[in-house]
Amino acid sequence: MKDEWNESLRCPACGKTGMASLSQDEDADTPIVQGVPSGFTVVSTQHAPDFHCDTCNVAVQP
């Protein structure tokens, strides 16, 4: 079974917002990013994907 969800993103520096789409298979350790809003970048980490603001180059808050 696959879980699918959306995460709201907000840059703490400039206030840019967006919605990322993720999914995770039942037997998977980490989620897979299905969609990233314009102006944000995915940074892969060991435990989960991290999102960064393209403008400010800082980690965004969920």
PDB file of N, CA and C in Angstrom:
ATOM      1  N   MET A   1       0.844  -1.187   0.000  1.00  0.00           N
ATOM      2  CA  MET A   1       0.000   0.000   0.000  1.00  0.00           C
ATOM      3  C   MET A   1       0.886   1.246   0.000  1.00  0.00           C
ATOM      4  N   LYS A   2       0.458   2.262  -0.692  1.00  0.00           N
ATOM      5  CA  LYS A   2       1.228   3.498  -0.806  1.00  0.00           C
ATOM      6  C   LYS A   2       0.473   4.634  -0.121  1.00  0.00           C
ATOM      7  N   ASP A   3       1.194   5.372   0.733  1.00  0.00           N
ATOM      8  CA  ASP A   3       0.641   6.588   1.331  1.00  0.00           C
ATOM      9  C   ASP A   3       1.016   7.765   0.448  1.00  0.00           C
ATOM     10  N   GLU A   4       0.085   8.688   0.258  1.00  0.00           N
ATOM     11  CA  GLU A   4       0.347   9.914  -0.502  1.00  0.00           C
ATOM     12  C   GLU A   4      -0.140  11.095   0.320  1.00  0.00           C
ATOM     13  N   TRP A   5       0.634  12.185   0.319  1.00  0.00           N
ATOM     14  CA  TRP A   5       0.248  13.362   1.079  1.00  0.00           C
ATOM     15  C   TRP A   5       0.908  14.609   0.496  1.00  0.00           C
ATOM     16  N   ASN A   6       0.435  15.749   0.939  1.00  0.00           N
ATOM     17  CA  ASN A   6       0.991  17.050   0.558  1.00  0.00           C
ATOM     18  C   ASN A   6       1.572  17.713   1.796  1.00  0.00           C
ATOM     19  N   GLU A   7       2.636  18.461   1.602  1.00  0.00           N
ATOM     20  CA  GLU A   7       3.244  19.227   2.685  1.00  0.00           C
ATOM     21  C   GLU A   7       3.321  20.688   2.268  1.00  0.00           C
ATOM     22  N   SER A   8       2.833  21.549   3.147  1.00  0.00           N
ATOM     23  CA  SER A   8       2.952  22.992   2.929  1.00  0.00           C
ATOM     24  C   SER A   8       4.381  23.409   3.242  1.00  0.00           C
ATOM     25  N   LEU A   9       4.943  24.245   2.387  1.00  0.00           N
ATOM     26  CA  LEU A   9       6.299  24.743   2.586  1.00  0.00           C
ATOM     27  C   LEU A   9       6.254  26.252   2.768  1.00  0.00           C
ATOM     28  N   ARG A  10       7.133  26.764   3.652  1.00  0.00           N
ATOM     29  CA  ARG A  10       7.229  28.210   3.852  1.00  0.00           C
ATOM     30  C   ARG A  10       8.672  28.560   4.163  1.00  0.00           C
ATOM     31  N   CYS A  11       9.213  29.501   3.398  1.00  0.00           N
ATOM     32  CA  CYS A  11      10.578  29.963   3.632  1.00  0.00           C
ATOM     33  C   CYS A  11      10.576  30.912   4.829  1.00  0.00           C
ATOM     34  N   PRO A  12      11.422  30.649   5.834  1.00  0.00           N
ATOM     35  CA  PRO A  12      11.460  31.526   7.002  1.00  0.00           C
ATOM     36  C   PRO A  12      12.091  32.884   6.706  1.00  0.00           C
ATOM     37  N   ALA A  13      12.850  32.983   5.612  1.00  0.00           N
ATOM     38  CA  ALA A  13      13.524  34.235   5.286  1.00  0.00           C
ATOM     39  C   ALA A  13      12.657  35.179   4.462  1.00  0.00           C
ATOM     40  N   CYS A  14      12.059  34.671   3.368  1.00  0.00           N
ATOM     41  CA  CYS A  14      11.316  35.558   2.466  1.00  0.00           C
ATOM     42  C   CYS A  14       9.805  35.344   2.506  1.00  0.00           C
ATOM     43  N   GLY A  15       9.352  34.267   3.151  1.00  0.00           N
ATOM     44  CA  GLY A  15       7.914  34.024   3.265  1.00  0.00           C
ATOM     45  C   GLY A  15       7.289  33.322   2.073  1.00  0.00           C
ATOM     46  N   LYS A  16       8.096  32.932   1.078  1.00  0.00           N
ATOM     47  CA  LYS A  16       7.564  32.208  -0.088  1.00  0.00           C
ATOM     48  C   LYS A  16       6.890  30.923   0.388  1.00  0.00           C
ATOM     49  N   THR A  17       5.748  30.581  -0.220  1.00  0.00           N
ATOM     50  CA  THR A  17       5.026  29.371   0.162  1.00  0.00           C
ATOM     51  C   THR A  17       4.773  28.490  -1.054  1.00  0.00           C
ATOM     52  N   GLY A  18       4.516  27.227  -0.789  1.00  0.00           N
ATOM     53  CA  GLY A  18       4.200  26.280  -1.847  1.00  0.00           C
ATOM     54  C   GLY A  18       3.748  24.968  -1.243  1.00  0.00           C
ATOM     55  N   MET A  19       3.336  24.043  -2.099  1.00  0.00           N
ATOM     56  CA  MET A  19       2.840  22.741  -1.660  1.00  0.00           C
ATOM     57  C   MET A  19       3.618  21.641  -2.382  1.00  0.00           C
ATOM     58  N   ALA A  20       4.267  20.766  -1.615  1.00  0.00           N
ATOM     59  CA  ALA A  20       5.001  19.634  -2.179  1.00  0.00           C
ATOM     60  C   ALA A  20       4.159  18.369  -2.058  1.00  0.00           C
ATOM     61  N   SER A  21       4.266  17.483  -3.035  1.00  0.00           N
ATOM     62  CA  SER A  21       3.552  16.199  -3.027  1.00  0.00           C
ATOM     63  C   SER A  21       4.554  15.080  -2.783  1.00  0.00           C
ATOM     64  N   LEU A  22       4.224  14.197  -1.837  1.00  0.00           N
ATOM     65  CA  LEU A  22       5.101  13.085  -1.506  1.00  0.00           C
ATOM     66  C   LEU A  22       4.318  11.785  -1.448  1.00  0.00           C
ATOM     67  N   SER A  23       5.052  10.673  -1.529  1.00  0.00           N
ATOM     68  CA  SER A  23       4.438   9.359  -1.365  1.00  0.00           C
ATOM     69  C   SER A  23       5.466   8.441  -0.724  1.00  0.00           C
ATOM     70  N   GLN A  24       4.963   7.353  -0.133  1.00  0.00           N
ATOM     71  CA  GLN A  24       5.856   6.376   0.476  1.00  0.00           C
ATOM     72  C   GLN A  24       5.199   5.008   0.444  1.00  0.00           C
ATOM     73  N   ASP A  25       5.921   4.042  -0.109  1.00  0.00           N
ATOM     74  CA  ASP A  25       5.452   2.663  -0.096  1.00  0.00           C
ATOM     75  C   ASP A  25       5.542   2.128   1.323  1.00  0.00           C
ATOM     76  N   GLU A  26       4.704   1.168   1.633  1.00  0.00           N
ATOM     77  CA  GLU A  26       4.633   0.614   2.982  1.00  0.00           C
ATOM     78  C   GLU A  26       5.980   0.076   3.461  1.00  0.00           C
ATOM     79  N   ASP A  27       6.741  -0.535   2.579  1.00  0.00           N
ATOM     80  CA  ASP A  27       8.017  -1.122   2.973  1.00  0.00           C
ATOM     81  C   ASP A  27       9.219  -0.200   2.744  1.00  0.00           C
ATOM     82  N   ALA A  28       8.991   1.026   2.353  1.00  0.00           N
ATOM     83  CA  ALA A  28      10.079   1.978   2.086  1.00  0.00           C
ATOM     84  C   ALA A  28      10.489   2.708   3.363  1.00  0.00           C
ATOM     85  N   ASP A  29      11.780   3.040   3.448  1.00  0.00           N
ATOM     86  CA  ASP A  29      12.294   3.768   4.606  1.00  0.00           C
ATOM     87  C   ASP A  29      12.096   5.271   4.493  1.00  0.00           C
ATOM     88  N   THR A  30      12.128   5.787   3.280  1.00  0.00           N
ATOM     89  CA  THR A  30      12.004   7.229   3.088  1.00  0.00           C
ATOM     90  C   THR A  30      10.946   7.545   2.040  1.00  0.00           C
ATOM     91  N   PRO A  31      10.319   8.713   2.158  1.00  0.00           N
ATOM     92  CA  PRO A  31       9.326   9.107   1.161  1.00  0.00           C
ATOM     93  C   PRO A  31       9.979   9.535  -0.155  1.00  0.00           C
ATOM     94  N   ILE A  32       9.164   9.514  -1.204  1.00  0.00           N
ATOM     95  CA  ILE A  32       9.584   9.953  -2.535  1.00  0.00           C
ATOM     96  C   ILE A  32       8.837  11.240  -2.863  1.00  0.00           C
ATOM     97  N   VAL A  33       9.565  12.237  -3.336  1.00  0.00           N
ATOM     98  CA  VAL A  33       8.950  13.506  -3.714  1.00  0.00           C
ATOM     99  C   VAL A  33       8.343  13.344  -5.098  1.00  0.00           C
ATOM    100  N   GLN A  34       7.049  13.571  -5.208  1.00  0.00           N
ATOM    101  CA  GLN A  34       6.332  13.462  -6.478  1.00  0.00           C
ATOM    102  C   GLN A  34       6.270  14.802  -7.204  1.00  0.00           C
ATOM    103  N   GLY A  35       6.229  15.892  -6.434  1.00  0.00           N
ATOM    104  CA  GLY A  35       6.145  17.220  -7.037  1.00  0.00           C
ATOM    105  C   GLY A  35       6.679  18.284  -6.101  1.00  0.00           C
ATOM    106  N   VAL A  36       7.418  19.228  -6.676  1.00  0.00           N
ATOM    107  CA  VAL A  36       7.996  20.336  -5.914  1.00  0.00           C
ATOM    108  C   VAL A  36       7.520  21.634  -6.544  1.00  0.00           C
ATOM    109  N   PRO A  37       7.013  22.571  -5.741  1.00  0.00           N
ATOM    110  CA  PRO A  37       6.547  23.827  -6.321  1.00  0.00           C
ATOM    111  C   PRO A  37       7.701  24.660  -6.878  1.00  0.00           C
ATOM    112  N   SER A  38       7.385  25.479  -7.842  1.00  0.00           N
ATOM    113  CA  SER A  38       8.361  26.385  -8.425  1.00  0.00           C
ATOM    114  C   SER A  38       8.956  27.260  -7.326  1.00  0.00           C
ATOM    115  N   GLY A  39      10.273  27.431  -7.355  1.00  0.00           N
ATOM    116  CA  GLY A  39      10.941  28.273  -6.371  1.00  0.00           C
ATOM    117  C   GLY A  39      11.518  27.497  -5.202  1.00  0.00           C
ATOM    118  N   PHE A  40      11.341  26.163  -5.216  1.00  0.00           N
ATOM    119  CA  PHE A  40      11.879  25.318  -4.155  1.00  0.00           C
ATOM    120  C   PHE A  40      12.687  24.183  -4.773  1.00  0.00           C
ATOM    121  N   THR A  41      13.661  23.671  -4.019  1.00  0.00           N
ATOM    122  CA  THR A  41      14.511  22.578  -4.455  1.00  0.00           C
ATOM    123  C   THR A  41      14.494  21.481  -3.401  1.00  0.00           C
ATOM    124  N   VAL A  42      14.589  20.226  -3.855  1.00  0.00           N
ATOM    125  CA  VAL A  42      14.672  19.088  -2.941  1.00  0.00           C
ATOM    126  C   VAL A  42      16.137  18.773  -2.676  1.00  0.00           C
ATOM    127  N   VAL A  43      16.474  18.587  -1.403  1.00  0.00           N
ATOM    128  CA  VAL A  43      17.806  18.162  -1.004  1.00  0.00           C
ATOM    129  C   VAL A  43      17.642  16.810  -0.324  1.00  0.00           C
ATOM    130  N   SER A  44      18.275  15.784  -0.872  1.00  0.00           N
ATOM    131  CA  SER A  44      18.151  14.442  -0.300  1.00  0.00           C
ATOM    132  C   SER A  44      18.979  14.327   0.971  1.00  0.00           C
ATOM    133  N   THR A  45      18.384  13.715   1.988  1.00  0.00           N
ATOM    134  CA  THR A  45      19.090  13.413   3.232  1.00  0.00           C
ATOM    135  C   THR A  45      18.895  11.932   3.522  1.00  0.00           C
ATOM    136  N   GLN A  46      19.557  11.440   4.542  1.00  0.00           N
ATOM    137  CA  GLN A  46      19.486  10.019   4.869  1.00  0.00           C
ATOM    138  C   GLN A  46      18.083   9.588   5.283  1.00  0.00           C
ATOM    139  N   HIS A  47      17.362  10.454   5.996  1.00  0.00           N
ATOM    140  CA  HIS A  47      16.085  10.055   6.577  1.00  0.00           C
ATOM    141  C   HIS A  47      14.864  10.516   5.792  1.00  0.00           C
ATOM    142  N   ALA A  48      14.948  11.641   5.159  1.00  0.00           N
ATOM    143  CA  ALA A  48      13.799  12.180   4.431  1.00  0.00           C
ATOM    144  C   ALA A  48      14.278  13.318   3.537  1.00  0.00           C
ATOM    145  N   PRO A  49      13.490  13.662   2.526  1.00  0.00           N
ATOM    146  CA  PRO A  49      13.879  14.803   1.691  1.00  0.00           C
ATOM    147  C   PRO A  49      13.736  16.112   2.463  1.00  0.00           C
ATOM    148  N   ASP A  50      14.617  17.036   2.170  1.00  0.00           N
ATOM    149  CA  ASP A  50      14.590  18.380   2.743  1.00  0.00           C
ATOM    150  C   ASP A  50      14.261  19.335   1.608  1.00  0.00           C
ATOM    151  N   PHE A  51      13.570  20.410   1.905  1.00  0.00           N
ATOM    152  CA  PHE A  51      13.226  21.400   0.894  1.00  0.00           C
ATOM    153  C   PHE A  51      13.938  22.707   1.205  1.00  0.00           C
ATOM    154  N   HIS A  52      14.470  23.354   0.151  1.00  0.00           N
ATOM    155  CA  HIS A  52      15.163  24.630   0.300  1.00  0.00           C
ATOM    156  C   HIS A  52      14.541  25.653  -0.636  1.00  0.00           C
ATOM    157  N   CYS A  53      14.530  26.904  -0.196  1.00  0.00           N
ATOM    158  CA  CYS A  53      14.074  28.021  -1.018  1.00  0.00           C
ATOM    159  C   CYS A  53      15.169  28.336  -2.039  1.00  0.00           C
ATOM    160  N   ASP A  54      14.803  28.415  -3.318  1.00  0.00           N
ATOM    161  CA  ASP A  54      15.775  28.733  -4.366  1.00  0.00           C
ATOM    162  C   ASP A  54      16.322  30.151  -4.231  1.00  0.00           C
ATOM    163  N   THR A  55      15.500  31.068  -3.779  1.00  0.00           N
ATOM    164  CA  THR A  55      15.904  32.468  -3.672  1.00  0.00           C
ATOM    165  C   THR A  55      16.873  32.693  -2.521  1.00  0.00           C
ATOM    166  N   CYS A  56      16.549  32.145  -1.351  1.00  0.00           N
ATOM    167  CA  CYS A  56      17.316  32.404  -0.128  1.00  0.00           C
ATOM    168  C   CYS A  56      18.336  31.316   0.191  1.00  0.00           C
ATOM    169  N   ASN A  57      18.210  30.151  -0.453  1.00  0.00           N
ATOM    170  CA  ASN A  57      19.076  29.005  -0.195  1.00  0.00           C
ATOM    171  C   ASN A  57      19.085  28.613   1.282  1.00  0.00           C
ATOM    172  N   VAL A  58      17.913  28.595   1.893  1.00  0.00           N
ATOM    173  CA  VAL A  58      17.764  28.145   3.276  1.00  0.00           C
ATOM    174  C   VAL A  58      16.711  27.043   3.326  1.00  0.00           C
ATOM    175  N   ALA A  59      16.810  26.198   4.343  1.00  0.00           N
ATOM    176  CA  ALA A  59      15.817  25.140   4.535  1.00  0.00           C
ATOM    177  C   ALA A  59      14.471  25.772   4.863  1.00  0.00           C
ATOM    178  N   VAL A  60      13.419  25.217   4.273  1.00  0.00           N
ATOM    179  CA  VAL A  60      12.078  25.749   4.519  1.00  0.00           C
ATOM    180  C   VAL A  60      11.422  24.993   5.660  1.00  0.00           C
ATOM    181  N   GLN A  61      10.387  25.593   6.212  1.00  0.00           N
ATOM    182  CA  GLN A  61       9.647  24.987   7.309  1.00  0.00           C
ATOM    183  C   GLN A  61       8.385  24.339   6.766  1.00  0.00           C
ATOM    184  N   PRO A  62       8.073  23.136   7.266  1.00  0.00           N
ATOM    185  CA  PRO A  62       6.825  22.484   6.826  1.00  0.00           C
ATOM    186  C   PRO A  62       5.610  23.157   7.430  1.00  0.00           C
TER     187      PRO A  62
END
